[in-house]
Amino acid sequence: MILLDKKDYFKIVEPLKLVTINNLFARAVVEQKAPGKIFVDNINKPKTFYVLHSYGMSLLFGKWDNFEFNKQFREYALNKNQIRNKYEWMQIFPDEWNITLVKLLGNSLVKQADNIIESGVVEQNTRVNFRFSQEKYLTKTRKEDKNVEIIKTDENIFLNMPGAVVPKYYWYNEQDFIKNGVGFSLLYKKQLAATAFSSWIFENKLEIGIADT
């Protein structure tokens, strides 16, 4: 696994276009709209890629039978050298990686575990994506509440909103968010209750994060 210099991120653009699963977070890193890291097998002609968003989401894709890369990735995934100090949530593409990871991780690949970083195991889960239905939304009855107010998320909310899934972990800073992102916050009796915000935006697509306080 070789850490790619940012000046070479352009080499990942075309391979990433071949990934058909949800990969907007990886695209944000590749296009340097969000902080992160990219590891590859070869700097000049990379074929295997590991894109890591600073929040912890990651995408492993490309050539799945790359012996040397896979050997190093196993050490990284199991945190053998204790270089990782937080969780990572990985997606894979294509499906052939499933077979590779089973062989690579063996008994260290489990269905459920506690203290994943410390225990040297990888927990296997399934990501579920949801689609918003405007038609169904418009059929719902909404009641007015004078205690409730919805406002556009501003710099103050960005900087001070508590929680694990909040805008400040997805954008470089408050100016970046205000200029390139969007969010709406719900106030209850003038106190912040929840915020729905864009984690990243590309053309006509965005990924939404929702957090309460």
N, C-alpha and C. Protein backbone atom coordinates (compact mmCIF):
# COMPACT_ATOMS: atom_id res chain seq x y z
N MET A 1 0.85 -1.19 0.00
CA MET A 1 0.00 0.00 0.00
C MET A 1 0.88 1.24 0.00
N ILE A 2 0.72 2.06 -1.02
CA ILE A 2 1.51 3.28 -1.15
C ILE A 2 0.59 4.48 -0.99
N LEU A 3 0.96 5.39 -0.10
CA LEU A 3 0.17 6.60 0.08
C LEU A 3 0.40 7.52 -1.11
N LEU A 4 -0.67 7.86 -1.79
CA LEU A 4 -0.59 8.66 -3.00
C LEU A 4 -0.52 10.14 -2.67
N ASP A 5 0.33 10.86 -3.36
CA ASP A 5 0.43 12.30 -3.20
C ASP A 5 -0.78 12.97 -3.85
N LYS A 6 -1.23 14.06 -3.28
CA LYS A 6 -2.42 14.73 -3.79
C LYS A 6 -2.29 15.15 -5.24
N LYS A 7 -1.10 15.46 -5.69
CA LYS A 7 -0.91 15.87 -7.08
C LYS A 7 -1.20 14.74 -8.05
N ASP A 8 -1.26 13.51 -7.54
CA ASP A 8 -1.52 12.35 -8.38
C ASP A 8 -2.95 11.82 -8.24
N TYR A 9 -3.79 12.53 -7.51
CA TYR A 9 -5.15 12.06 -7.31
C TYR A 9 -5.91 11.92 -8.62
N PHE A 10 -5.51 12.67 -9.64
CA PHE A 10 -6.20 12.60 -10.93
C PHE A 10 -6.16 11.19 -11.52
N LYS A 11 -5.20 10.38 -11.10
CA LYS A 11 -5.08 9.03 -11.62
C LYS A 11 -6.20 8.12 -11.16
N ILE A 12 -6.95 8.56 -10.16
CA ILE A 12 -8.03 7.75 -9.60
C ILE A 12 -9.37 8.11 -10.24
N VAL A 13 -9.45 9.22 -10.93
CA VAL A 13 -10.72 9.73 -11.44
C VAL A 13 -11.41 8.71 -12.36
N GLU A 14 -10.71 8.21 -13.36
CA GLU A 14 -11.33 7.29 -14.32
C GLU A 14 -11.65 5.93 -13.69
N PRO A 15 -10.75 5.31 -12.91
CA PRO A 15 -11.11 4.05 -12.26
C PRO A 15 -12.33 4.18 -11.35
N LEU A 16 -12.48 5.31 -10.68
CA LEU A 16 -13.61 5.49 -9.77
C LEU A 16 -14.93 5.55 -10.53
N LYS A 17 -14.89 6.03 -11.77
CA LYS A 17 -16.11 6.10 -12.58
C LYS A 17 -16.68 4.72 -12.88
N LEU A 18 -15.87 3.70 -12.77
CA LEU A 18 -16.31 2.33 -13.04
C LEU A 18 -17.02 1.71 -11.84
N VAL A 19 -16.93 2.37 -10.69
CA VAL A 19 -17.59 1.87 -9.47
C VAL A 19 -19.05 2.27 -9.50
N THR A 20 -19.94 1.29 -9.48
CA THR A 20 -21.37 1.56 -9.64
C THR A 20 -22.13 1.66 -8.32
N ILE A 21 -21.49 1.36 -7.20
CA ILE A 21 -22.16 1.52 -5.91
C ILE A 21 -21.97 2.95 -5.42
N ASN A 22 -22.68 3.31 -4.36
CA ASN A 22 -22.58 4.65 -3.79
C ASN A 22 -21.12 4.96 -3.43
N ASN A 23 -20.55 5.97 -4.06
CA ASN A 23 -19.14 6.28 -3.81
C ASN A 23 -18.86 7.78 -3.74
N LEU A 24 -19.89 8.58 -3.40
CA LEU A 24 -19.71 10.02 -3.40
C LEU A 24 -18.65 10.47 -2.39
N PHE A 25 -18.55 9.78 -1.26
CA PHE A 25 -17.54 10.17 -0.27
C PHE A 25 -16.14 9.98 -0.83
N ALA A 26 -15.94 8.90 -1.61
CA ALA A 26 -14.65 8.65 -2.22
C ALA A 26 -14.36 9.71 -3.29
N ARG A 27 -15.38 10.06 -4.03
CA ARG A 27 -15.22 11.09 -5.05
C ARG A 27 -14.84 12.42 -4.42
N ALA A 28 -15.42 12.72 -3.27
CA ALA A 28 -15.10 13.96 -2.56
C ALA A 28 -13.62 14.02 -2.22
N VAL A 29 -13.05 12.89 -1.81
CA VAL A 29 -11.62 12.83 -1.48
C VAL A 29 -10.78 12.96 -2.75
N VAL A 30 -11.14 12.19 -3.78
CA VAL A 30 -10.38 12.18 -5.03
C VAL A 30 -10.34 13.57 -5.65
N GLU A 31 -11.47 14.28 -5.62
CA GLU A 31 -11.53 15.61 -6.20
C GLU A 31 -11.14 16.70 -5.20
N GLN A 32 -10.64 16.26 -4.04
CA GLN A 32 -10.13 17.15 -2.99
C GLN A 32 -11.17 18.16 -2.52
N LYS A 33 -12.41 17.71 -2.44
CA LYS A 33 -13.47 18.51 -1.84
C LYS A 33 -13.65 18.16 -0.37
N ALA A 34 -12.92 17.14 0.07
CA ALA A 34 -12.95 16.72 1.47
C ALA A 34 -11.59 16.12 1.80
N PRO A 35 -11.16 16.24 3.05
CA PRO A 35 -9.86 15.66 3.43
C PRO A 35 -9.91 14.14 3.46
N GLY A 36 -8.78 13.52 3.22
CA GLY A 36 -8.70 12.07 3.24
C GLY A 36 -7.36 11.58 2.75
N LYS A 37 -7.27 10.27 2.51
CA LYS A 37 -6.05 9.64 2.02
C LYS A 37 -6.40 8.63 0.93
N ILE A 38 -5.44 8.40 0.05
CA ILE A 38 -5.61 7.39 -0.98
C ILE A 38 -4.37 6.50 -1.00
N PHE A 39 -4.59 5.20 -0.91
CA PHE A 39 -3.51 4.23 -1.01
C PHE A 39 -3.66 3.44 -2.30
N VAL A 40 -2.54 3.15 -2.95
CA VAL A 40 -2.56 2.41 -4.21
C VAL A 40 -1.48 1.34 -4.21
N ASP A 41 -1.51 0.50 -5.22
CA ASP A 41 -0.50 -0.55 -5.35
C ASP A 41 0.73 -0.08 -6.10
N ASN A 42 0.52 0.91 -7.00
CA ASN A 42 1.61 1.40 -7.84
C ASN A 42 1.34 2.86 -8.17
N ILE A 43 2.31 3.72 -7.96
CA ILE A 43 2.10 5.16 -8.18
C ILE A 43 1.91 5.48 -9.65
N ASN A 44 2.69 4.83 -10.52
CA ASN A 44 2.65 5.17 -11.93
C ASN A 44 1.44 4.59 -12.65
N LYS A 45 1.13 3.33 -12.37
CA LYS A 45 -0.01 2.69 -13.02
C LYS A 45 -0.83 1.94 -11.97
N PRO A 46 -1.54 2.67 -11.13
CA PRO A 46 -2.30 2.02 -10.05
C PRO A 46 -3.48 1.20 -10.59
N LYS A 47 -3.69 0.04 -9.96
CA LYS A 47 -4.80 -0.82 -10.35
C LYS A 47 -5.66 -1.22 -9.15
N THR A 48 -5.10 -1.06 -7.95
CA THR A 48 -5.85 -1.35 -6.73
C THR A 48 -5.84 -0.09 -5.86
N PHE A 49 -7.02 0.22 -5.27
CA PHE A 49 -7.18 1.52 -4.61
C PHE A 49 -7.90 1.37 -3.27
N TYR A 50 -7.43 2.16 -2.30
CA TYR A 50 -8.12 2.27 -1.02
C TYR A 50 -8.27 3.75 -0.71
N VAL A 51 -9.50 4.26 -0.82
CA VAL A 51 -9.77 5.68 -0.60
C VAL A 51 -10.40 5.84 0.77
N LEU A 52 -9.79 6.68 1.60
CA LEU A 52 -10.25 6.85 2.98
C LEU A 52 -10.64 8.30 3.23
N HIS A 53 -11.91 8.52 3.54
CA HIS A 53 -12.39 9.84 3.93
C HIS A 53 -11.96 10.10 5.37
N SER A 54 -11.70 11.36 5.71
CA SER A 54 -11.21 11.68 7.04
C SER A 54 -12.16 11.26 8.15
N TYR A 55 -13.46 11.18 7.85
CA TYR A 55 -14.42 10.77 8.88
C TYR A 55 -14.28 9.28 9.21
N GLY A 56 -13.81 8.50 8.22
CA GLY A 56 -13.63 7.07 8.47
C GLY A 56 -14.25 6.17 7.42
N MET A 57 -15.05 6.72 6.52
CA MET A 57 -15.62 5.93 5.44
C MET A 57 -14.54 5.63 4.42
N SER A 58 -14.53 4.41 3.88
CA SER A 58 -13.49 4.05 2.93
C SER A 58 -14.05 3.17 1.82
N LEU A 59 -13.31 3.13 0.72
CA LEU A 59 -13.70 2.34 -0.44
C LEU A 59 -12.49 1.58 -0.94
N LEU A 60 -12.62 0.26 -0.96
CA LEU A 60 -11.59 -0.62 -1.50
C LEU A 60 -12.09 -1.11 -2.86
N PHE A 61 -11.34 -0.81 -3.92
CA PHE A 61 -11.83 -1.20 -5.25
C PHE A 61 -10.67 -1.43 -6.20
N GLY A 62 -11.04 -1.93 -7.37
CA GLY A 62 -10.03 -2.22 -8.38
C GLY A 62 -9.61 -3.68 -8.37
N LYS A 63 -8.42 -3.96 -8.82
CA LYS A 63 -7.89 -5.32 -8.95
C LYS A 63 -7.85 -6.01 -7.59
N TRP A 64 -8.56 -7.13 -7.48
CA TRP A 64 -8.76 -7.78 -6.18
C TRP A 64 -7.75 -8.90 -5.90
N ASP A 65 -7.00 -9.33 -6.91
CA ASP A 65 -6.05 -10.43 -6.71
C ASP A 65 -4.61 -9.93 -6.79
N ASN A 66 -4.39 -8.78 -6.19
CA ASN A 66 -3.08 -8.14 -6.16
C ASN A 66 -2.35 -8.60 -4.90
N PHE A 67 -1.49 -9.60 -5.03
CA PHE A 67 -0.93 -10.29 -3.87
C PHE A 67 -0.22 -9.35 -2.91
N GLU A 68 0.69 -8.53 -3.39
CA GLU A 68 1.49 -7.69 -2.51
C GLU A 68 0.63 -6.64 -1.81
N PHE A 69 -0.26 -6.01 -2.56
CA PHE A 69 -1.15 -5.01 -1.96
C PHE A 69 -2.04 -5.67 -0.91
N ASN A 70 -2.60 -6.82 -1.26
CA ASN A 70 -3.51 -7.51 -0.34
C ASN A 70 -2.81 -7.90 0.96
N LYS A 71 -1.56 -8.32 0.86
CA LYS A 71 -0.80 -8.70 2.06
C LYS A 71 -0.63 -7.49 2.97
N GLN A 72 -0.31 -6.35 2.38
CA GLN A 72 -0.15 -5.13 3.17
C GLN A 72 -1.49 -4.62 3.69
N PHE A 73 -2.54 -4.80 2.89
CA PHE A 73 -3.86 -4.35 3.34
C PHE A 73 -4.32 -5.18 4.54
N ARG A 74 -4.01 -6.45 4.57
CA ARG A 74 -4.38 -7.29 5.71
C ARG A 74 -3.75 -6.74 6.99
N GLU A 75 -2.48 -6.36 6.93
CA GLU A 75 -1.80 -5.79 8.09
C GLU A 75 -2.49 -4.50 8.53
N TYR A 76 -2.87 -3.71 7.53
CA TYR A 76 -3.54 -2.43 7.81
C TYR A 76 -4.92 -2.66 8.42
N ALA A 77 -5.71 -3.55 7.81
CA ALA A 77 -7.08 -3.80 8.26
C ALA A 77 -7.11 -4.34 9.68
N LEU A 78 -6.17 -5.21 10.01
CA LEU A 78 -6.12 -5.79 11.35
C LEU A 78 -5.34 -4.93 12.33
N ASN A 79 -4.86 -3.79 11.81
CA ASN A 79 -4.15 -2.81 12.64
C ASN A 79 -2.96 -3.43 13.37
N LYS A 80 -2.22 -4.26 12.63
CA LYS A 80 -1.09 -4.97 13.22
C LYS A 80 -0.04 -4.02 13.77
N ASN A 81 0.16 -2.89 13.09
CA ASN A 81 1.19 -1.94 13.51
C ASN A 81 0.64 -0.81 14.37
N GLN A 82 -0.64 -0.92 14.73
CA GLN A 82 -1.27 0.07 15.61
C GLN A 82 -1.14 1.50 15.06
N ILE A 83 -1.37 1.64 13.75
CA ILE A 83 -1.28 2.97 13.14
C ILE A 83 -2.65 3.64 13.04
N ARG A 84 -3.71 2.86 13.22
CA ARG A 84 -5.05 3.43 13.18
C ARG A 84 -5.56 3.62 14.60
N ASN A 85 -6.22 4.74 14.85
CA ASN A 85 -6.74 5.01 16.19
C ASN A 85 -8.23 5.32 16.19
N LYS A 86 -8.91 5.01 15.07
CA LYS A 86 -10.35 5.18 15.03
C LYS A 86 -10.96 4.19 14.05
N TYR A 87 -12.26 4.08 14.09
CA TYR A 87 -12.96 3.13 13.24
C TYR A 87 -12.93 3.56 11.79
N GLU A 88 -13.01 2.57 10.90
CA GLU A 88 -13.19 2.81 9.47
C GLU A 88 -14.34 1.93 8.99
N TRP A 89 -15.18 2.50 8.12
CA TRP A 89 -16.32 1.78 7.58
C TRP A 89 -16.09 1.61 6.08
N MET A 90 -15.78 0.40 5.68
CA MET A 90 -15.31 0.14 4.33
C MET A 90 -16.40 -0.45 3.44
N GLN A 91 -16.44 0.03 2.19
CA GLN A 91 -17.22 -0.58 1.13
C GLN A 91 -16.26 -1.17 0.12
N ILE A 92 -16.74 -2.15 -0.64
CA ILE A 92 -15.87 -2.81 -1.62
C ILE A 92 -16.54 -2.85 -2.99
N PHE A 93 -15.72 -2.89 -4.03
CA PHE A 93 -16.20 -3.05 -5.40
C PHE A 93 -15.04 -3.53 -6.26
N PRO A 94 -15.26 -4.55 -7.08
CA PRO A 94 -16.49 -5.30 -7.32
C PRO A 94 -16.71 -6.38 -6.27
N ASP A 95 -17.73 -7.24 -6.50
CA ASP A 95 -18.09 -8.27 -5.53
C ASP A 95 -16.99 -9.30 -5.31
N GLU A 96 -16.08 -9.45 -6.26
CA GLU A 96 -14.99 -10.41 -6.10
C GLU A 96 -14.16 -10.14 -4.86
N TRP A 97 -14.19 -8.91 -4.38
CA TRP A 97 -13.46 -8.59 -3.14
C TRP A 97 -13.99 -9.39 -1.95
N ASN A 98 -15.28 -9.77 -2.01
CA ASN A 98 -15.85 -10.55 -0.90
C ASN A 98 -15.08 -11.85 -0.71
N ILE A 99 -14.82 -12.54 -1.81
CA ILE A 99 -14.09 -13.81 -1.75
C ILE A 99 -12.66 -13.58 -1.31
N THR A 100 -12.05 -12.53 -1.85
CA THR A 100 -10.66 -12.21 -1.50
C THR A 100 -10.52 -11.92 -0.01
N LEU A 101 -11.45 -11.12 0.54
CA LEU A 101 -11.35 -10.74 1.94
C LEU A 101 -11.57 -11.93 2.88
N VAL A 102 -12.45 -12.85 2.49
CA VAL A 102 -12.66 -14.06 3.30
C VAL A 102 -11.37 -14.85 3.39
N LYS A 103 -10.70 -15.01 2.25
CA LYS A 103 -9.44 -15.75 2.23
C LYS A 103 -8.35 -14.98 2.97
N LEU A 104 -8.35 -13.68 2.79
CA LEU A 104 -7.28 -12.84 3.35
C LEU A 104 -7.37 -12.72 4.86
N LEU A 105 -8.59 -12.56 5.37
CA LEU A 105 -8.77 -12.27 6.80
C LEU A 105 -9.09 -13.50 7.63
N GLY A 106 -9.60 -14.55 6.99
CA GLY A 106 -9.87 -15.79 7.70
C GLY A 106 -10.78 -15.60 8.90
N ASN A 107 -10.37 -16.13 10.04
CA ASN A 107 -11.17 -16.03 11.26
C ASN A 107 -11.26 -14.63 11.83
N SER A 108 -10.46 -13.73 11.30
CA SER A 108 -10.49 -12.34 11.77
C SER A 108 -11.66 -11.56 11.19
N LEU A 109 -12.34 -12.15 10.20
CA LEU A 109 -13.53 -11.54 9.61
C LEU A 109 -14.75 -12.09 10.34
N VAL A 110 -15.45 -11.24 11.10
CA VAL A 110 -16.54 -11.70 11.94
C VAL A 110 -17.82 -10.95 11.63
N LYS A 111 -18.93 -11.50 12.09
CA LYS A 111 -20.23 -10.86 11.86
C LYS A 111 -20.49 -9.73 12.84
N GLN A 112 -19.99 -9.85 14.04
CA GLN A 112 -20.21 -8.81 15.05
C GLN A 112 -19.08 -8.86 16.07
N ALA A 113 -18.61 -7.67 16.46
CA ALA A 113 -17.51 -7.63 17.41
C ALA A 113 -17.54 -6.33 18.19
N ASP A 114 -16.90 -6.35 19.36
CA ASP A 114 -16.72 -5.14 20.16
C ASP A 114 -15.24 -4.76 20.13
N ASN A 115 -14.97 -3.46 20.33
CA ASN A 115 -13.58 -3.00 20.38
C ASN A 115 -12.78 -3.46 19.16
N ILE A 116 -13.33 -3.14 17.97
CA ILE A 116 -12.77 -3.64 16.72
C ILE A 116 -11.32 -3.22 16.54
N ILE A 117 -11.01 -1.98 16.86
CA ILE A 117 -9.64 -1.51 16.64
C ILE A 117 -8.66 -2.30 17.50
N GLU A 118 -9.02 -2.52 18.77
CA GLU A 118 -8.10 -3.16 19.69
C GLU A 118 -8.00 -4.67 19.45
N SER A 119 -9.07 -5.29 19.03
CA SER A 119 -9.10 -6.74 18.99
C SER A 119 -8.52 -7.32 17.72
N GLY A 120 -8.25 -6.50 16.70
CA GLY A 120 -7.64 -7.00 15.48
C GLY A 120 -8.56 -7.86 14.67
N VAL A 121 -9.83 -7.49 14.59
CA VAL A 121 -10.78 -8.20 13.74
C VAL A 121 -11.51 -7.19 12.87
N VAL A 122 -12.12 -7.69 11.83
CA VAL A 122 -12.91 -6.85 10.92
C VAL A 122 -14.35 -7.33 10.97
N GLU A 123 -15.24 -6.41 11.29
CA GLU A 123 -16.66 -6.75 11.41
C GLU A 123 -17.35 -6.56 10.07
N GLN A 124 -18.11 -7.56 9.65
CA GLN A 124 -18.78 -7.54 8.35
C GLN A 124 -20.23 -7.11 8.51
N ASN A 125 -20.61 -6.07 7.77
CA ASN A 125 -21.97 -5.56 7.79
C ASN A 125 -22.44 -5.30 6.36
N THR A 126 -23.69 -4.86 6.24
CA THR A 126 -24.23 -4.50 4.94
C THR A 126 -24.77 -3.09 4.99
N ARG A 127 -24.35 -2.25 4.06
CA ARG A 127 -24.85 -0.88 4.01
C ARG A 127 -26.18 -0.87 3.27
N VAL A 128 -27.14 -0.16 3.83
CA VAL A 128 -28.46 -0.04 3.23
C VAL A 128 -28.67 1.39 2.77
N ASN A 129 -29.01 1.58 1.51
CA ASN A 129 -29.28 2.90 0.97
C ASN A 129 -30.78 3.10 0.80
N PHE A 130 -31.25 4.30 1.08
CA PHE A 130 -32.67 4.62 0.99
C PHE A 130 -32.89 5.67 -0.09
N ARG A 131 -34.06 5.60 -0.71
CA ARG A 131 -34.42 6.56 -1.74
C ARG A 131 -35.61 7.40 -1.25
N PHE A 132 -35.48 8.72 -1.36
CA PHE A 132 -36.54 9.63 -0.93
C PHE A 132 -37.68 9.62 -1.95
N SER A 133 -38.90 9.45 -1.46
CA SER A 133 -40.08 9.48 -2.32
C SER A 133 -40.85 10.76 -2.06
N GLN A 134 -40.78 11.68 -3.00
CA GLN A 134 -41.49 12.95 -2.84
C GLN A 134 -43.00 12.73 -2.82
N GLU A 135 -43.47 11.77 -3.60
CA GLU A 135 -44.91 11.50 -3.65
C GLU A 135 -45.44 11.07 -2.29
N LYS A 136 -44.75 10.15 -1.64
CA LYS A 136 -45.18 9.69 -0.33
C LYS A 136 -45.06 10.80 0.71
N TYR A 137 -44.00 11.58 0.60
CA TYR A 137 -43.79 12.67 1.55
C TYR A 137 -44.94 13.67 1.50
N LEU A 138 -45.40 13.98 0.30
CA LEU A 138 -46.46 14.98 0.14
C LEU A 138 -47.81 14.48 0.64
N THR A 139 -47.97 13.17 0.82
CA THR A 139 -49.23 12.64 1.32
C THR A 139 -49.31 12.69 2.85
N LYS A 140 -48.19 12.94 3.51
CA LYS A 140 -48.16 12.94 4.97
C LYS A 140 -48.78 14.23 5.52
N THR A 141 -49.54 14.05 6.59
CA THR A 141 -50.16 15.19 7.24
C THR A 141 -49.15 15.85 8.18
N ARG A 142 -49.02 17.15 8.05
CA ARG A 142 -48.07 17.88 8.88
C ARG A 142 -48.81 18.87 9.77
N LYS A 143 -48.46 18.87 11.05
CA LYS A 143 -49.09 19.77 12.00
C LYS A 143 -48.16 20.93 12.32
N GLU A 144 -48.71 22.10 12.40
CA GLU A 144 -47.91 23.26 12.74
C GLU A 144 -47.66 23.31 14.25
N ASP A 145 -46.46 23.70 14.61
CA ASP A 145 -46.08 23.84 16.01
C ASP A 145 -45.34 25.16 16.14
N LYS A 146 -45.89 26.06 16.90
CA LYS A 146 -45.28 27.38 17.03
C LYS A 146 -43.92 27.35 17.72
N ASN A 147 -43.64 26.23 18.40
CA ASN A 147 -42.34 26.10 19.06
C ASN A 147 -41.23 25.68 18.10
N VAL A 148 -41.65 25.27 16.90
CA VAL A 148 -40.69 24.72 15.94
C VAL A 148 -40.37 25.75 14.86
N GLU A 149 -39.08 25.88 14.57
CA GLU A 149 -38.63 26.79 13.52
C GLU A 149 -37.52 26.09 12.74
N ILE A 150 -37.57 26.19 11.42
CA ILE A 150 -36.53 25.61 10.57
C ILE A 150 -35.77 26.74 9.89
N ILE A 151 -34.45 26.74 10.07
CA ILE A 151 -33.62 27.78 9.49
C ILE A 151 -32.48 27.15 8.70
N LYS A 152 -31.88 27.93 7.83
CA LYS A 152 -30.72 27.45 7.10
C LYS A 152 -29.53 27.38 8.05
N THR A 153 -28.80 26.29 7.99
CA THR A 153 -27.66 26.09 8.89
C THR A 153 -26.59 27.14 8.62
N ASP A 154 -26.20 27.86 9.65
CA ASP A 154 -25.23 28.94 9.48
C ASP A 154 -23.87 28.54 10.08
N GLU A 155 -22.94 29.48 10.04
CA GLU A 155 -21.58 29.21 10.52
C GLU A 155 -21.56 28.88 12.01
N ASN A 156 -22.39 29.55 12.78
CA ASN A 156 -22.42 29.32 14.22
C ASN A 156 -22.86 27.90 14.54
N ILE A 157 -23.90 27.43 13.86
CA ILE A 157 -24.37 26.05 14.07
C ILE A 157 -23.30 25.07 13.62
N PHE A 158 -22.67 25.34 12.49
CA PHE A 158 -21.61 24.48 11.97
C PHE A 158 -20.50 24.29 13.01
N LEU A 159 -20.09 25.37 13.63
CA LEU A 159 -18.97 25.32 14.55
C LEU A 159 -19.31 24.71 15.90
N ASN A 160 -20.55 24.86 16.33
CA ASN A 160 -20.90 24.51 17.71
C ASN A 160 -21.82 23.32 17.87
N MET A 161 -22.30 22.77 16.79
CA MET A 161 -23.23 21.65 16.91
C MET A 161 -22.52 20.41 17.45
N PRO A 162 -23.00 19.84 18.56
CA PRO A 162 -22.38 18.63 19.12
C PRO A 162 -22.84 17.39 18.38
N GLY A 163 -22.10 16.31 18.52
CA GLY A 163 -22.51 15.05 17.92
C GLY A 163 -21.40 14.41 17.11
N ALA A 164 -21.62 13.17 16.71
CA ALA A 164 -20.62 12.41 15.96
C ALA A 164 -20.78 12.57 14.46
N VAL A 165 -22.01 12.77 14.00
CA VAL A 165 -22.27 12.92 12.56
C VAL A 165 -22.79 14.33 12.33
N VAL A 166 -21.87 15.27 12.23
CA VAL A 166 -22.22 16.68 12.09
C VAL A 166 -21.41 17.29 10.95
N PRO A 167 -21.85 18.42 10.39
CA PRO A 167 -21.21 18.98 9.20
C PRO A 167 -19.71 19.20 9.31
N LYS A 168 -19.21 19.58 10.49
CA LYS A 168 -17.80 19.95 10.60
C LYS A 168 -16.85 18.78 10.34
N TYR A 169 -17.37 17.54 10.36
CA TYR A 169 -16.53 16.40 10.08
C TYR A 169 -16.49 16.03 8.60
N TYR A 170 -17.24 16.77 7.79
CA TYR A 170 -17.34 16.45 6.36
C TYR A 170 -16.82 17.55 5.45
N TRP A 171 -16.60 18.74 6.01
CA TRP A 171 -16.15 19.86 5.21
C TRP A 171 -14.87 20.43 5.82
N TYR A 172 -14.08 21.11 5.01
CA TYR A 172 -12.81 21.65 5.49
C TYR A 172 -13.01 22.65 6.63
N ASN A 173 -14.00 23.52 6.49
CA ASN A 173 -14.28 24.54 7.50
C ASN A 173 -15.66 25.14 7.24
N GLU A 174 -16.05 26.08 8.09
CA GLU A 174 -17.40 26.65 7.96
C GLU A 174 -17.58 27.43 6.67
N GLN A 175 -16.53 28.11 6.18
CA GLN A 175 -16.64 28.85 4.93
C GLN A 175 -16.86 27.90 3.74
N ASP A 176 -16.14 26.77 3.77
CA ASP A 176 -16.30 25.77 2.72
C ASP A 176 -17.72 25.24 2.70
N PHE A 177 -18.26 24.96 3.89
CA PHE A 177 -19.63 24.45 3.98
C PHE A 177 -20.66 25.46 3.49
N ILE A 178 -20.54 26.69 3.92
CA ILE A 178 -21.50 27.72 3.53
C ILE A 178 -21.46 27.94 2.02
N LYS A 179 -20.27 27.90 1.43
CA LYS A 179 -20.12 28.16 0.00
C LYS A 179 -20.52 26.98 -0.86
N ASN A 180 -20.15 25.76 -0.44
CA ASN A 180 -20.31 24.60 -1.31
C ASN A 180 -21.31 23.56 -0.81
N GLY A 181 -21.80 23.73 0.41
CA GLY A 181 -22.77 22.78 0.95
C GLY A 181 -24.07 23.46 1.31
N VAL A 182 -24.93 22.72 1.98
CA VAL A 182 -26.19 23.30 2.43
C VAL A 182 -26.73 22.46 3.59
N GLY A 183 -27.44 23.11 4.49
CA GLY A 183 -28.05 22.40 5.60
C GLY A 183 -29.23 23.17 6.15
N PHE A 184 -30.14 22.48 6.81
CA PHE A 184 -31.28 23.11 7.45
C PHE A 184 -31.40 22.56 8.87
N SER A 185 -31.57 23.47 9.79
CA SER A 185 -31.61 23.10 11.20
C SER A 185 -32.97 23.38 11.81
N LEU A 186 -33.41 22.46 12.67
CA LEU A 186 -34.69 22.60 13.35
C LEU A 186 -34.44 23.10 14.76
N LEU A 187 -35.08 24.21 15.10
CA LEU A 187 -35.01 24.76 16.45
C LEU A 187 -36.32 24.48 17.17
N TYR A 188 -36.21 24.04 18.40
CA TYR A 188 -37.39 23.85 19.24
C TYR A 188 -37.27 24.79 20.43
N LYS A 189 -38.18 25.72 20.52
CA LYS A 189 -38.14 26.76 21.54
C LYS A 189 -36.79 27.48 21.50
N LYS A 190 -36.36 27.77 20.29
CA LYS A 190 -35.14 28.54 20.01
C LYS A 190 -33.86 27.75 20.26
N GLN A 191 -33.99 26.47 20.64
CA GLN A 191 -32.80 25.65 20.89
C GLN A 191 -32.62 24.64 19.74
N LEU A 192 -31.37 24.44 19.33
CA LEU A 192 -31.09 23.52 18.24
C LEU A 192 -31.49 22.10 18.62
N ALA A 193 -32.30 21.48 17.76
CA ALA A 193 -32.76 20.12 18.01
C ALA A 193 -32.19 19.12 17.01
N ALA A 194 -32.10 19.51 15.74
CA ALA A 194 -31.61 18.59 14.71
C ALA A 194 -31.17 19.37 13.48
N THR A 195 -30.29 18.75 12.70
CA THR A 195 -29.82 19.35 11.46
C THR A 195 -29.74 18.29 10.38
N ALA A 196 -30.25 18.62 9.20
CA ALA A 196 -30.06 17.80 8.01
C ALA A 196 -29.13 18.58 7.08
N PHE A 197 -28.07 17.93 6.63
CA PHE A 197 -27.06 18.67 5.87
C PHE A 197 -26.49 17.80 4.76
N SER A 198 -25.91 18.46 3.79
CA SER A 198 -25.23 17.75 2.71
C SER A 198 -23.83 17.36 3.16
N SER A 199 -23.51 16.08 3.05
CA SER A 199 -22.16 15.64 3.33
C SER A 199 -21.23 16.01 2.18
N TRP A 200 -21.79 15.95 0.97
CA TRP A 200 -21.08 16.36 -0.24
C TRP A 200 -22.11 16.52 -1.35
N ILE A 201 -21.78 17.31 -2.36
CA ILE A 201 -22.69 17.58 -3.47
C ILE A 201 -21.93 17.45 -4.78
N PHE A 202 -22.52 16.70 -5.73
CA PHE A 202 -21.97 16.58 -7.07
C PHE A 202 -23.10 16.64 -8.09
N GLU A 203 -23.02 17.63 -8.98
CA GLU A 203 -24.04 17.81 -10.00
C GLU A 203 -25.44 17.75 -9.37
N ASN A 204 -26.23 16.73 -9.75
CA ASN A 204 -27.60 16.63 -9.23
C ASN A 204 -27.72 15.60 -8.10
N LYS A 205 -26.59 15.28 -7.46
CA LYS A 205 -26.61 14.28 -6.39
C LYS A 205 -25.99 14.86 -5.13
N LEU A 206 -26.52 14.45 -4.00
CA LEU A 206 -25.90 14.78 -2.73
C LEU A 206 -26.19 13.66 -1.74
N GLU A 207 -25.35 13.59 -0.72
CA GLU A 207 -25.59 12.63 0.36
C GLU A 207 -25.95 13.42 1.61
N ILE A 208 -26.98 12.95 2.29
CA ILE A 208 -27.51 13.69 3.43
C ILE A 208 -27.07 13.06 4.75
N GLY A 209 -26.66 13.92 5.65
CA GLY A 209 -26.42 13.50 7.03
C GLY A 209 -27.46 14.14 7.92
N ILE A 210 -27.96 13.41 8.89
CA ILE A 210 -28.99 13.94 9.80
C ILE A 210 -28.51 13.68 11.23
N ALA A 211 -28.50 14.74 12.03
CA ALA A 211 -28.04 14.60 13.40
C ALA A 211 -28.96 15.37 14.34
N ASP A 212 -29.19 14.80 15.53
CA ASP A 212 -29.95 15.50 16.55
C ASP A 212 -29.02 15.88 17.70
N THR A 213 -29.50 16.72 18.57
CA THR A 213 -28.67 17.16 19.68
C THR A 213 -29.31 16.76 21.02
